[in-house]
N, C-alpha and C. Protein backbone atom coordinates (compact mmCIF):
# COMPACT_ATOMS: atom_id res chain seq x y z
N MET A 1 8.45 160.72 8.48
CA MET A 1 9.24 159.91 9.80
C MET A 1 7.89 160.49 10.02
N ALA A 2 7.53 159.96 11.35
CA ALA A 2 6.75 160.94 12.64
C ALA A 2 7.53 161.29 13.81
N GLU A 3 6.65 162.87 13.71
CA GLU A 3 7.39 163.39 14.83
C GLU A 3 6.81 162.85 16.62
N SER A 4 7.70 163.41 17.12
CA SER A 4 7.11 162.46 18.85
C SER A 4 7.76 163.75 19.80
N GLY A 5 7.08 163.13 21.03
CA GLY A 5 7.92 164.50 21.51
C GLY A 5 8.99 163.49 22.31
N GLU A 6 8.71 161.82 22.26
CA GLU A 6 9.98 161.08 23.01
C GLU A 6 11.23 161.09 22.83
N SER A 7 11.76 162.25 23.05
CA SER A 7 13.03 162.86 22.59
C SER A 7 14.10 161.58 23.54
N ALA A 8 13.34 161.43 24.76
CA ALA A 8 13.77 160.85 25.81
C ALA A 8 14.99 159.52 25.59
N GLY A 9 13.82 158.78 24.92
CA GLY A 9 14.61 157.55 24.45
C GLY A 9 14.08 157.10 23.45
N VAL A 10 14.15 155.68 22.70
CA VAL A 10 14.81 155.18 21.72
C VAL A 10 12.95 154.97 20.92
N ASP A 11 12.96 155.17 21.89
CA ASP A 11 10.86 154.42 21.13
C ASP A 11 9.72 154.37 22.36
N ALA A 12 8.97 154.17 22.19
CA ALA A 12 7.51 153.74 23.55
C ALA A 12 6.63 153.53 22.87
N ALA A 13 7.02 151.95 21.87
CA ALA A 13 6.12 151.19 20.87
C ALA A 13 5.87 150.55 22.31
N THR A 14 6.42 149.68 23.12
CA THR A 14 6.10 148.70 24.22
C THR A 14 6.84 148.61 25.77
N PRO A 15 6.43 147.82 26.26
CA PRO A 15 7.25 147.56 27.55
C PRO A 15 8.53 147.10 27.57
N ASP A 16 8.52 146.21 27.02
CA ASP A 16 10.10 145.61 26.69
C ASP A 16 10.88 146.07 25.72
N GLN A 17 10.51 147.28 24.98
CA GLN A 17 11.72 148.08 24.11
C GLN A 17 12.02 149.27 25.05
N ARG A 18 10.75 150.05 26.22
CA ARG A 18 11.20 150.77 27.08
C ARG A 18 12.20 150.47 28.05
N THR A 19 11.90 149.08 28.63
CA THR A 19 13.12 148.37 29.69
C THR A 19 14.25 147.60 29.14
N ALA A 20 14.41 147.92 28.13
CA ALA A 20 15.83 147.19 27.03
C ALA A 20 16.61 148.04 27.66
N ARG A 21 18.16 147.09 27.79
CA ARG A 21 18.98 148.15 28.33
C ARG A 21 19.49 148.97 27.52
N ARG A 22 20.44 150.28 27.89
CA ARG A 22 20.30 151.36 27.06
C ARG A 22 22.26 151.42 27.19
N TYR A 23 22.33 151.73 26.33
CA TYR A 23 24.31 151.83 26.06
C TYR A 23 23.96 153.62 25.40
N THR A 24 24.85 154.20 26.22
CA THR A 24 24.83 155.82 25.52
C THR A 24 25.89 155.87 24.77
N LEU A 25 26.22 156.22 23.65
CA LEU A 25 27.25 156.83 22.96
C LEU A 25 27.27 158.59 22.11
N LEU A 26 28.17 158.93 23.07
CA LEU A 26 28.21 160.46 22.98
C LEU A 26 28.65 161.11 21.14
N LEU A 27 29.82 160.29 20.85
CA LEU A 27 30.49 160.88 19.64
C LEU A 27 30.63 159.62 18.80
N ARG A 28 29.87 158.73 18.66
CA ARG A 28 30.20 157.76 17.61
C ARG A 28 29.52 158.14 16.41
N ALA A 29 30.55 158.59 15.29
CA ALA A 29 29.33 158.72 14.02
C ALA A 29 29.10 157.37 13.18
N ALA A 30 28.10 157.51 12.12
CA ALA A 30 27.30 156.65 11.61
C ALA A 30 26.27 156.71 10.56
N LYS A 31 25.89 156.03 9.36
CA LYS A 31 25.37 156.53 8.23
C LYS A 31 24.32 156.83 8.35
N LEU A 32 23.02 156.74 7.65
CA LEU A 32 21.82 156.65 7.54
C LEU A 32 21.62 156.96 6.31
N VAL A 33 20.95 155.16 5.24
CA VAL A 33 21.26 154.79 4.28
C VAL A 33 19.31 154.55 4.11
N ALA A 34 18.98 155.84 3.03
CA ALA A 34 17.60 155.59 2.29
C ALA A 34 17.76 155.19 0.87
N PRO A 35 16.73 155.08 0.78
CA PRO A 35 16.76 154.74 -1.75
C PRO A 35 17.53 155.81 -2.13
N VAL A 36 18.12 156.04 -2.43
CA VAL A 36 19.45 156.81 -2.57
C VAL A 36 20.30 157.89 -2.33
N ARG A 37 20.21 157.92 -1.15
CA ARG A 37 20.41 158.45 -0.59
C ARG A 37 20.80 158.58 1.04
N GLU A 38 22.12 159.19 1.41
CA GLU A 38 22.87 158.96 2.86
C GLU A 38 23.31 159.62 3.56
N TYR A 39 22.91 159.96 5.07
CA TYR A 39 23.03 160.84 5.43
C TYR A 39 24.13 160.40 6.90
N LEU A 40 24.80 161.40 7.13
CA LEU A 40 25.55 161.52 8.65
C LEU A 40 24.85 161.42 9.80
N CYS A 41 25.47 160.68 10.91
CA CYS A 41 24.41 161.01 11.94
C CYS A 41 25.51 160.75 13.57
N ILE A 42 25.14 160.89 14.43
CA ILE A 42 25.60 160.50 15.44
C ILE A 42 24.35 159.46 16.58
N LEU A 43 25.41 158.54 17.45
CA LEU A 43 24.58 157.56 17.95
C LEU A 43 24.48 158.01 19.13
N ARG A 44 23.49 158.03 19.83
CA ARG A 44 23.24 158.86 20.83
C ARG A 44 22.77 157.52 22.09
N ASP A 45 22.06 157.11 21.91
CA ASP A 45 21.49 155.69 22.75
C ASP A 45 21.41 154.06 21.82
N VAL A 46 21.64 153.65 22.70
CA VAL A 46 21.13 152.42 21.74
C VAL A 46 20.77 150.74 22.32
N SER A 47 19.78 150.05 22.00
CA SER A 47 19.49 148.60 22.92
C SER A 47 19.58 148.01 21.71
N ALA A 48 18.77 146.64 22.86
CA ALA A 48 18.86 145.39 21.57
C ALA A 48 18.02 145.20 21.29
N THR A 49 17.06 146.42 21.27
CA THR A 49 15.47 146.77 20.32
C THR A 49 15.22 147.74 19.34
N GLY A 50 16.44 149.02 19.63
CA GLY A 50 15.98 150.08 18.49
C GLY A 50 17.48 151.18 19.13
N LEU A 51 17.70 152.40 18.78
CA LEU A 51 18.54 153.34 19.26
C LEU A 51 18.14 154.84 18.41
N LYS A 52 18.93 155.72 18.86
CA LYS A 52 18.05 157.35 18.77
C LYS A 52 19.54 157.43 18.51
N VAL A 53 19.16 158.62 16.92
CA VAL A 53 20.85 159.14 16.69
C VAL A 53 20.82 160.63 16.48
N ARG A 54 21.54 161.52 16.99
CA ARG A 54 21.40 163.26 16.37
C ARG A 54 22.09 163.68 14.84
N LEU A 55 20.88 164.03 14.70
CA LEU A 55 20.71 164.85 13.66
C LEU A 55 21.52 165.88 13.34
N PHE A 56 22.05 165.83 11.92
CA PHE A 56 22.18 167.51 11.65
C PHE A 56 21.67 168.31 10.84
N HIS A 57 20.46 167.72 9.99
CA HIS A 57 19.33 168.34 9.85
C HIS A 57 18.14 167.08 9.50
N PRO A 58 16.92 167.54 9.59
CA PRO A 58 15.55 166.72 9.20
C PRO A 58 15.74 165.59 8.19
N LEU A 59 15.70 165.04 8.75
CA LEU A 59 15.28 163.66 7.34
C LEU A 59 14.51 163.63 6.51
N PRO A 60 14.09 162.71 5.74
CA PRO A 60 12.57 162.85 4.91
C PRO A 60 12.27 161.38 5.21
N ASP A 61 10.92 161.80 4.59
CA ASP A 61 9.82 160.56 4.88
C ASP A 61 10.35 159.27 3.79
N SER A 62 10.78 158.21 4.76
CA SER A 62 10.85 156.72 4.21
C SER A 62 10.42 156.08 5.30
N ALA A 63 10.56 154.62 4.73
CA ALA A 63 9.85 153.42 5.72
C ALA A 63 11.24 152.88 5.51
N ASP A 64 11.85 153.10 4.63
CA ASP A 64 13.17 152.07 4.15
C ASP A 64 14.30 152.94 4.99
N TRP A 65 15.21 152.29 5.99
CA TRP A 65 16.09 153.06 5.90
C TRP A 65 17.38 151.77 6.45
N GLN A 66 18.22 152.17 6.44
CA GLN A 66 19.48 151.53 7.21
C GLN A 66 20.73 151.87 8.00
N LEU A 67 21.54 151.72 9.13
CA LEU A 67 21.87 151.92 9.57
C LEU A 67 23.56 151.91 9.40
N GLU A 68 24.48 152.20 8.88
CA GLU A 68 25.84 151.67 8.74
C GLU A 68 27.25 152.42 9.57
N LEU A 69 27.57 151.18 10.09
CA LEU A 69 28.68 151.72 10.46
C LEU A 69 30.20 151.74 10.28
N GLY A 70 30.74 152.42 10.98
CA GLY A 70 32.43 153.10 9.85
C GLY A 70 33.13 151.92 9.88
N GLN A 71 32.95 150.76 10.34
CA GLN A 71 33.62 149.09 9.74
C GLN A 71 32.88 148.52 8.71
N GLY A 72 32.03 149.01 8.60
CA GLY A 72 30.80 148.27 6.85
C GLY A 72 29.56 147.62 7.40
N GLU A 73 29.20 147.35 8.57
CA GLU A 73 28.30 146.73 9.35
C GLU A 73 26.83 147.33 9.28
N ARG A 74 25.39 146.51 8.53
CA ARG A 74 24.73 147.43 8.78
C ARG A 74 23.32 146.64 9.19
N PHE A 75 22.49 147.64 9.62
CA PHE A 75 21.17 146.79 10.27
C PHE A 75 19.90 147.72 9.67
N ALA A 76 19.14 146.99 9.48
CA ALA A 76 17.39 147.33 8.84
C ALA A 76 17.13 147.95 10.29
N LEU A 77 16.63 149.26 9.55
CA LEU A 77 15.60 149.88 10.76
C LEU A 77 14.09 150.17 10.37
N ASP A 78 13.48 150.70 10.62
CA ASP A 78 12.26 150.82 11.09
C ASP A 78 12.06 152.30 11.57
N PRO A 79 11.60 153.12 10.72
CA PRO A 79 11.38 154.68 11.75
C PRO A 79 10.39 154.91 12.65
N VAL A 80 10.90 155.65 13.54
CA VAL A 80 8.92 155.39 15.00
C VAL A 80 9.09 157.19 15.37
N TRP A 81 10.03 157.75 15.50
CA TRP A 81 10.23 158.95 15.64
C TRP A 81 11.03 160.39 14.90
N GLN A 82 10.96 161.33 15.05
CA GLN A 82 11.45 162.64 14.67
C GLN A 82 11.09 163.77 15.37
N ALA A 83 12.11 164.21 15.95
CA ALA A 83 11.92 165.63 17.33
C ALA A 83 13.26 166.51 17.46
N ASP A 84 13.00 167.62 17.45
CA ASP A 84 14.39 168.24 18.00
C ASP A 84 15.95 167.81 17.79
N GLY A 85 16.07 167.88 16.66
CA GLY A 85 17.20 167.51 16.34
C GLY A 85 17.79 166.28 16.63
N HIS A 86 16.50 165.41 17.61
CA HIS A 86 16.85 163.48 17.26
C HIS A 86 15.58 162.65 15.93
N ALA A 87 16.27 161.61 16.10
CA ALA A 87 15.26 160.36 15.55
C ALA A 87 15.46 159.41 16.29
N GLY A 88 14.09 158.87 15.86
CA GLY A 88 14.10 157.28 16.47
C GLY A 88 13.78 156.27 15.91
N PHE A 89 14.07 154.91 15.74
CA PHE A 89 14.64 154.06 14.90
C PHE A 89 14.33 152.57 15.76
N ARG A 90 13.93 151.33 15.24
CA ARG A 90 13.72 150.22 15.97
C ARG A 90 14.84 149.36 14.87
N PHE A 91 15.30 148.51 15.69
CA PHE A 91 15.76 147.62 14.41
C PHE A 91 14.89 146.71 14.27
N ARG A 92 14.79 146.45 13.07
CA ARG A 92 13.74 145.44 12.12
C ARG A 92 14.02 143.60 12.44
N ASP A 93 15.28 143.54 13.05
CA ASP A 93 15.37 142.51 13.13
C ASP A 93 16.01 141.67 14.85
N ALA A 94 14.99 142.99 14.89
CA ALA A 94 15.46 142.64 16.71
C ALA A 94 14.65 141.36 17.46
N PRO A 95 15.56 141.31 18.59
CA PRO A 95 16.37 141.78 18.92
C PRO A 95 18.12 141.40 18.23
N ILE A 96 19.04 142.90 18.90
CA ILE A 96 20.17 142.49 18.50
C ILE A 96 21.73 143.01 19.61
N ASP A 97 22.68 142.49 19.49
CA ASP A 97 23.14 142.71 20.32
C ASP A 97 24.18 144.07 20.66
N PRO A 98 23.94 144.81 21.43
CA PRO A 98 23.87 146.39 20.98
C PRO A 98 25.46 146.38 20.88
N LEU A 99 25.80 145.48 21.91
CA LEU A 99 27.48 145.31 21.45
C LEU A 99 28.51 145.93 20.64
N ARG A 100 27.17 144.97 19.10
CA ARG A 100 27.98 145.25 17.92
C ARG A 100 27.55 146.83 17.76
N LEU A 101 27.22 147.41 18.18
CA LEU A 101 27.50 149.10 17.72
C LEU A 101 27.79 149.75 19.02
N VAL A 102 27.67 149.44 20.16
CA VAL A 102 29.07 149.93 20.54
C VAL A 102 30.51 150.24 21.00
N ASP A 103 31.05 148.58 20.31
CA ASP A 103 32.42 147.84 20.27
C ASP A 103 32.51 148.55 18.84
N GLU A 104 33.92 149.57 18.40
CA GLU A 104 33.65 150.26 17.16
C GLU A 104 35.16 149.46 16.90
N GLU A 105 35.58 147.88 16.97
CA GLU A 105 36.01 147.22 16.42
C GLU A 105 35.74 146.21 15.82
N ALA A 106 34.06 145.68 16.06
CA ALA A 106 34.01 145.20 15.10
C ALA A 106 33.03 144.80 13.54
N GLY A 107 33.18 144.19 12.91
CA GLY A 107 32.48 143.79 12.61
C GLY A 107 33.24 143.99 11.51
N PRO A 108 32.69 143.35 10.23
CA PRO A 108 33.90 142.13 8.88
C PRO A 108 34.64 143.52 8.28
N PHE A 109 35.05 144.62 8.44
CA PHE A 109 35.92 145.26 7.91
C PHE A 109 36.86 146.53 9.17
N PRO A 110 37.91 146.93 8.73
CA PRO A 110 38.82 147.57 9.07
C PRO A 110 37.88 148.74 9.90
N ARG A 111 37.72 149.18 11.03
CA ARG A 111 36.81 150.73 11.27
C ARG A 111 37.64 152.33 10.50
N ARG A 112 36.69 152.80 9.67
CA ARG A 112 37.66 153.89 8.70
C ARG A 112 36.38 155.12 8.89
N HIS A 113 36.77 156.66 8.54
CA HIS A 113 35.80 157.43 8.45
C HIS A 113 34.47 157.13 7.12
N ILE A 114 33.80 157.49 8.12
CA ILE A 114 32.07 157.85 7.05
C ILE A 114 32.24 157.97 5.50
N ARG A 115 31.72 157.12 4.85
CA ARG A 115 32.21 157.59 3.25
C ARG A 115 30.35 158.17 2.69
N LEU A 116 30.20 158.95 2.54
CA LEU A 116 29.33 158.83 1.94
C LEU A 116 28.94 159.19 0.26
N HIS A 117 28.61 158.25 -0.20
CA HIS A 117 28.28 157.95 -1.61
C HIS A 117 27.80 159.04 -2.47
N LEU A 118 28.06 159.40 -3.52
CA LEU A 118 27.01 160.54 -4.36
C LEU A 118 27.87 160.17 -5.82
N GLU A 119 27.38 160.93 -7.13
CA GLU A 119 27.65 161.19 -7.99
C GLU A 119 27.51 162.62 -8.56
N LEU A 120 28.57 163.40 -8.60
CA LEU A 120 28.55 164.72 -8.85
C LEU A 120 30.10 165.25 -10.01
N PRO A 121 29.31 165.78 -11.15
CA PRO A 121 30.76 166.08 -11.86
C PRO A 121 31.13 166.90 -11.15
N VAL A 122 32.89 167.46 -11.36
CA VAL A 122 34.17 168.27 -10.69
C VAL A 122 35.06 168.25 -12.02
N MET A 123 35.57 169.19 -11.36
CA MET A 123 36.72 169.72 -12.48
C MET A 123 37.72 169.30 -11.65
N LEU A 124 38.52 168.87 -11.93
CA LEU A 124 39.83 169.08 -11.16
C LEU A 124 41.03 169.88 -11.60
N ARG A 125 41.96 170.82 -10.97
CA ARG A 125 42.50 171.47 -11.67
C ARG A 125 44.00 171.04 -11.45
N VAL A 126 44.66 170.65 -12.28
CA VAL A 126 46.12 168.76 -12.11
C VAL A 126 47.01 169.99 -12.97
N ASP A 127 47.65 170.54 -11.91
CA ASP A 127 49.47 171.58 -13.08
C ASP A 127 48.50 172.91 -13.92
N GLY A 128 47.74 173.14 -13.54
CA GLY A 128 47.10 174.41 -14.04
C GLY A 128 46.08 174.03 -15.59
N MET A 129 46.11 173.06 -15.72
CA MET A 129 45.31 172.26 -16.36
C MET A 129 43.63 171.88 -15.96
N ALA A 130 42.44 172.34 -16.34
CA ALA A 130 40.97 171.77 -16.19
C ALA A 130 40.92 170.10 -16.59
N ARG A 131 40.20 169.27 -15.64
CA ARG A 131 40.12 168.08 -16.10
C ARG A 131 39.11 167.33 -15.72
N ALA A 132 37.74 167.44 -16.58
CA ALA A 132 36.83 166.67 -15.66
C ALA A 132 36.68 165.45 -15.51
N ALA A 133 35.77 165.58 -13.98
CA ALA A 133 36.07 164.29 -13.03
C ALA A 133 34.29 164.27 -12.20
N MET A 134 34.66 162.69 -12.11
CA MET A 134 32.88 162.52 -11.28
C MET A 134 33.70 161.71 -9.57
N LEU A 135 33.06 163.02 -9.18
CA LEU A 135 33.15 162.58 -7.70
C LEU A 135 32.41 161.85 -7.27
N ARG A 136 32.50 160.10 -6.77
CA ARG A 136 31.69 159.48 -5.98
C ARG A 136 31.64 158.92 -4.97
N ASP A 137 32.54 159.22 -4.42
CA ASP A 137 32.27 159.56 -2.48
C ASP A 137 33.04 160.28 -1.80
N LEU A 138 32.50 160.38 -0.48
CA LEU A 138 33.02 161.90 0.69
C LEU A 138 33.28 161.66 1.77
N SER A 139 34.18 161.72 2.43
CA SER A 139 34.80 161.55 3.97
C SER A 139 34.77 162.72 4.47
N GLN A 140 35.20 163.20 5.49
CA GLN A 140 36.12 164.08 6.84
C GLN A 140 37.20 164.68 5.81
N LEU A 141 37.97 163.76 5.07
CA LEU A 141 39.57 163.55 5.01
C LEU A 141 40.13 163.57 3.68
N GLY A 142 38.75 162.92 3.03
CA GLY A 142 39.78 163.03 1.42
C GLY A 142 37.77 162.24 0.38
N ALA A 143 38.41 162.08 -0.84
CA ALA A 143 37.35 161.46 -1.75
C ALA A 143 37.96 160.27 -2.57
N LEU A 144 36.93 160.17 -3.78
CA LEU A 144 37.09 159.04 -4.91
C LEU A 144 36.41 159.75 -5.74
N VAL A 145 37.41 159.95 -6.72
CA VAL A 145 36.91 160.70 -8.44
C VAL A 145 37.83 159.54 -8.80
N ARG A 146 36.48 159.30 -9.88
CA ARG A 146 37.29 158.80 -11.68
C ARG A 146 37.61 159.69 -12.09
N VAL A 147 38.63 160.07 -13.01
CA VAL A 147 38.88 160.88 -14.14
C VAL A 147 39.86 160.12 -15.15
N GLU A 148 40.27 160.55 -16.00
CA GLU A 148 40.74 160.03 -17.39
C GLU A 148 41.25 160.95 -18.06
N PRO A 149 42.55 161.03 -18.30
CA PRO A 149 43.56 159.79 -18.03
C PRO A 149 44.07 159.59 -16.72
N PRO A 150 44.56 158.43 -16.27
CA PRO A 150 45.05 158.28 -14.66
C PRO A 150 45.89 159.77 -14.31
N LEU A 151 45.69 160.07 -13.22
CA LEU A 151 46.50 161.01 -12.43
C LEU A 151 47.99 160.42 -11.76
N ALA A 152 49.18 161.00 -11.66
CA ALA A 152 50.48 160.21 -10.36
C ALA A 152 50.16 160.09 -9.22
N LEU A 153 50.44 159.28 -8.86
CA LEU A 153 50.23 159.20 -7.84
C LEU A 153 51.10 160.36 -6.77
N ARG A 154 50.67 160.91 -5.83
CA ARG A 154 51.07 162.05 -4.88
C ARG A 154 50.64 163.36 -5.53
N GLN A 155 50.16 163.51 -7.08
CA GLN A 155 50.25 164.15 -7.89
C GLN A 155 48.86 165.85 -7.09
N PRO A 156 49.21 166.47 -6.67
CA PRO A 156 48.71 167.94 -5.71
C PRO A 156 47.44 168.08 -7.17
N VAL A 157 45.92 168.14 -6.57
CA VAL A 157 44.87 168.33 -7.32
C VAL A 157 44.03 169.74 -6.43
N ARG A 158 43.02 169.90 -7.65
CA ARG A 158 41.98 171.16 -7.27
C ARG A 158 41.09 170.68 -7.04
N ILE A 159 39.82 170.65 -6.47
CA ILE A 159 38.52 169.94 -6.68
C ILE A 159 37.51 171.79 -7.11
N ASP A 160 37.10 171.56 -8.21
CA ASP A 160 35.93 172.41 -8.42
C ASP A 160 34.85 172.10 -8.64
N ALA A 161 33.81 173.01 -8.03
CA ALA A 161 32.34 172.22 -8.26
C ALA A 161 31.22 173.69 -7.90
N PRO A 162 30.36 173.62 -8.53
CA PRO A 162 29.47 174.81 -7.78
C PRO A 162 28.70 174.00 -6.85
N GLU A 163 28.70 174.64 -5.20
CA GLU A 163 27.97 174.23 -4.78
C GLU A 163 28.93 173.46 -3.38
N PHE A 164 30.17 173.29 -3.97
CA PHE A 164 31.14 172.42 -3.44
C PHE A 164 32.36 173.52 -2.91
N PRO A 165 32.77 173.54 -1.35
CA PRO A 165 34.06 174.59 -1.23
C PRO A 165 35.19 173.76 -1.32
N LEU A 166 35.97 175.25 -1.93
CA LEU A 166 37.18 174.88 -2.31
C LEU A 166 38.38 173.76 -1.37
N ARG A 167 38.48 172.50 -2.31
CA ARG A 167 39.33 171.94 -1.61
C ARG A 167 40.65 171.43 -2.12
N HIS A 168 41.79 171.74 -1.74
CA HIS A 168 43.40 171.21 -2.53
C HIS A 168 43.61 169.83 -1.83
N ALA A 169 44.33 168.89 -2.75
CA ALA A 169 43.89 167.60 -2.33
C ALA A 169 45.51 166.75 -2.99
N ARG A 170 45.70 165.16 -2.81
CA ARG A 170 47.33 164.76 -3.61
C ARG A 170 46.63 163.60 -3.87
N VAL A 171 46.47 162.84 -4.71
CA VAL A 171 46.26 161.86 -5.00
C VAL A 171 46.82 160.75 -3.77
N ARG A 172 46.36 159.75 -3.43
CA ARG A 172 46.45 158.90 -2.22
C ARG A 172 47.20 157.34 -2.48
N TRP A 173 45.65 157.26 -3.79
CA TRP A 173 46.02 155.95 -4.67
C TRP A 173 45.38 155.39 -5.40
N ARG A 174 45.31 155.05 -6.38
CA ARG A 174 44.76 155.26 -7.61
C ARG A 174 44.65 153.15 -8.42
N ARG A 175 42.99 153.06 -8.88
CA ARG A 175 42.41 151.65 -8.99
C ARG A 175 42.12 152.12 -10.27
N GLY A 176 42.72 151.84 -11.60
CA GLY A 176 42.15 151.87 -12.53
C GLY A 176 41.68 153.70 -13.14
N LEU A 177 40.75 154.29 -13.34
CA LEU A 177 40.43 155.15 -13.12
C LEU A 177 40.19 155.93 -11.77
N ASP A 178 39.76 155.09 -11.04
CA ASP A 178 39.78 155.63 -9.77
C ASP A 178 40.24 156.45 -8.62
N HIS A 179 40.58 156.95 -8.40
CA HIS A 179 41.47 157.74 -7.90
C HIS A 179 41.05 158.00 -5.84
N GLY A 180 42.57 157.63 -5.24
CA GLY A 180 41.96 158.20 -3.61
C GLY A 180 42.33 159.89 -3.28
N LEU A 181 41.60 160.74 -3.05
CA LEU A 181 42.99 162.02 -2.81
C LEU A 181 42.26 161.76 -1.22
N VAL A 182 43.00 162.49 -0.72
CA VAL A 182 43.32 163.07 0.86
C VAL A 182 43.33 164.75 1.06
N PHE A 183 42.16 165.52 1.53
CA PHE A 183 42.56 166.78 1.79
C PHE A 183 43.35 167.17 2.56
N GLN A 184 43.58 168.41 2.24
CA GLN A 184 44.36 169.53 2.81
C GLN A 184 43.92 170.03 4.04
N GLU A 185 42.96 170.16 3.82
CA GLU A 185 41.70 170.65 4.92
C GLU A 185 40.71 169.80 4.99
N ALA A 186 40.41 169.08 6.51
CA ALA A 186 39.49 168.41 6.62
C ALA A 186 37.91 169.30 6.46
N PHE A 187 37.24 168.18 6.43
CA PHE A 187 35.68 168.82 6.59
C PHE A 187 35.54 168.10 8.26
N ARG A 188 34.96 169.10 9.15
CA ARG A 188 34.35 169.17 10.46
C ARG A 188 32.74 168.20 10.22
N LEU A 189 32.41 167.36 10.40
CA LEU A 189 31.87 165.92 10.92
C LEU A 189 30.17 167.25 10.18
N ASP A 190 29.79 168.36 10.79
CA ASP A 190 28.57 168.69 10.68
C ASP A 190 28.79 169.68 9.14
N GLU A 191 29.51 169.99 8.86
CA GLU A 191 30.05 170.85 7.08
C GLU A 191 29.36 169.53 6.79
N LEU A 192 29.87 168.42 6.73
CA LEU A 192 30.68 167.56 5.90
C LEU A 192 28.80 167.44 5.63
N ALA A 193 28.25 166.40 6.81
CA ALA A 193 26.63 166.13 6.37
C ALA A 193 25.89 167.71 5.57
N LEU A 194 25.67 168.37 6.07
CA LEU A 194 25.23 169.47 5.31
C LEU A 194 25.91 169.57 3.98
N LEU A 195 26.47 169.47 3.86
CA LEU A 195 27.09 169.46 2.09
C LEU A 195 26.74 168.72 1.28
N VAL A 196 26.81 167.29 1.80
CA VAL A 196 26.40 166.05 1.50
C VAL A 196 24.92 165.98 1.06
N SER A 197 24.04 166.62 1.95
CA SER A 197 22.83 166.84 2.06
C SER A 197 21.95 167.66 1.21
N ARG A 198 22.93 168.85 0.68
CA ARG A 198 21.96 169.76 0.27
C ARG A 198 22.87 169.14 -1.27
N LEU A 199 23.50 168.60 -1.37
CA LEU A 199 24.43 167.99 -3.43
C LEU A 199 23.60 166.97 -3.24
N GLN A 200 22.54 166.17 -2.72
CA GLN A 200 21.93 165.11 -2.95
C GLN A 200 20.53 165.49 -3.06
N ASP A 201 19.92 166.61 -2.36
CA ASP A 201 18.85 167.19 -2.71
C ASP A 201 18.70 168.13 -3.92
N ALA A 202 19.33 168.61 -4.64
CA ALA A 202 19.64 169.23 -6.23
C ALA A 202 19.93 168.40 -7.24
N SER A 203 20.50 167.30 -6.54
CA SER A 203 20.77 166.29 -7.83
C SER A 203 18.90 165.55 -7.69
N VAL A 204 18.67 165.40 -6.88
CA VAL A 204 16.97 164.84 -7.14
C VAL A 204 15.85 165.39 -7.51
N ALA A 205 16.78 166.51 -7.17
CA ALA A 205 15.45 167.83 -7.74
C ALA A 205 15.75 167.80 -9.29
N GLU A 206 16.83 167.84 -10.24
CA GLU A 206 17.56 168.05 -11.12
C GLU A 206 16.65 166.76 -11.82
N GLU A 207 16.84 165.40 -11.58
CA GLU A 207 16.25 164.88 -12.20
C GLU A 207 14.80 164.93 -12.11
N SER A 208 13.85 165.36 -10.92
CA SER A 208 12.34 165.55 -10.69
C SER A 208 12.41 166.54 -11.65
N GLY A 209 12.81 167.79 -11.82
CA GLY A 209 12.60 169.07 -12.33
C GLY A 209 11.95 170.27 -11.33
N HIS A 210 11.64 169.56 -9.97
CA HIS A 210 11.50 170.40 -8.86
C HIS A 210 12.39 170.76 -8.05
N PRO A 211 12.87 172.60 -7.96
CA PRO A 211 13.49 172.87 -6.63
C PRO A 211 13.78 172.77 -5.92
N ALA A 212 14.97 172.30 -5.35
CA ALA A 212 15.26 171.59 -4.02
C ALA A 212 15.39 172.60 -2.60
N ALA A 213 14.43 171.63 -1.31
CA ALA A 213 14.22 173.02 -0.20
C ALA A 213 15.28 172.93 0.30
N PRO A 214 15.91 173.83 0.42
CA PRO A 214 17.49 174.43 1.58
C PRO A 214 16.97 173.39 2.86
N ARG A 215 18.48 172.93 3.10
CA ARG A 215 18.58 172.35 4.13
C ARG A 215 19.39 173.47 5.25
N THR A 216 18.30 173.28 6.84
CA THR A 216 18.92 173.86 7.65
C THR A 216 19.88 173.11 8.70
N ALA A 217 20.51 173.71 9.08
CA ALA A 217 21.63 172.67 10.04
C ALA A 217 20.66 173.51 11.77
N LEU A 218 20.72 171.43 12.39
CA LEU A 218 19.66 171.52 13.48
C LEU A 218 20.90 171.60 14.72
N THR A 219 20.77 172.92 15.50
CA THR A 219 21.42 173.19 16.57
C THR A 219 21.64 172.84 18.37
N SER A 220 20.12 172.00 18.02
CA SER A 220 20.08 171.25 19.83
C SER A 220 21.16 170.52 19.59
N ASP A 221 21.23 170.03 20.98
CA ASP A 221 21.86 168.79 21.47
C ASP A 221 21.32 167.09 21.48
């Protein structure tokens, strides 16, 4: 993604895009989806033609991005710039109705905390026993794990894995071998963003045989 000094606006491509009415969203979390990776962000400005997001770490170069909101709606994006802890994108299907992003209750599904998908082998400590499991998604408040044989509802567990902060949880729901866990201690948004980015980098590096570059938190507002 190219860098630019246009950190005050969504982009600087055309007069129509610069003059499109913008809405400021200060604290709405969303997810940027690239091929095989997902990243947390915060929506800052949105118009009918594009948007500006607050980042927790630099984004990798990619021409294929989507924005996913908490209620499941997705928007195809083209990257424009990245600088000073922010990034600007154009909507590929512009113009769109900005109120679809402003109204948190709009969309095809009920609003929920952003979930980031990944495939991470972990160990679950259950009644003093270690059980191999696969962590399949992660949010601030909980996780989805696949483990066999199934666990009991409300079963207390502890998640252990390299590079993963210790978390105690309970089984909230179960569908076959998939289990929804709720954490006793939630992740901060920035903590979750950096953790998932680091885990995804490590997974891609392992597949490619190249070491992952360290992720550094961005501190600008």
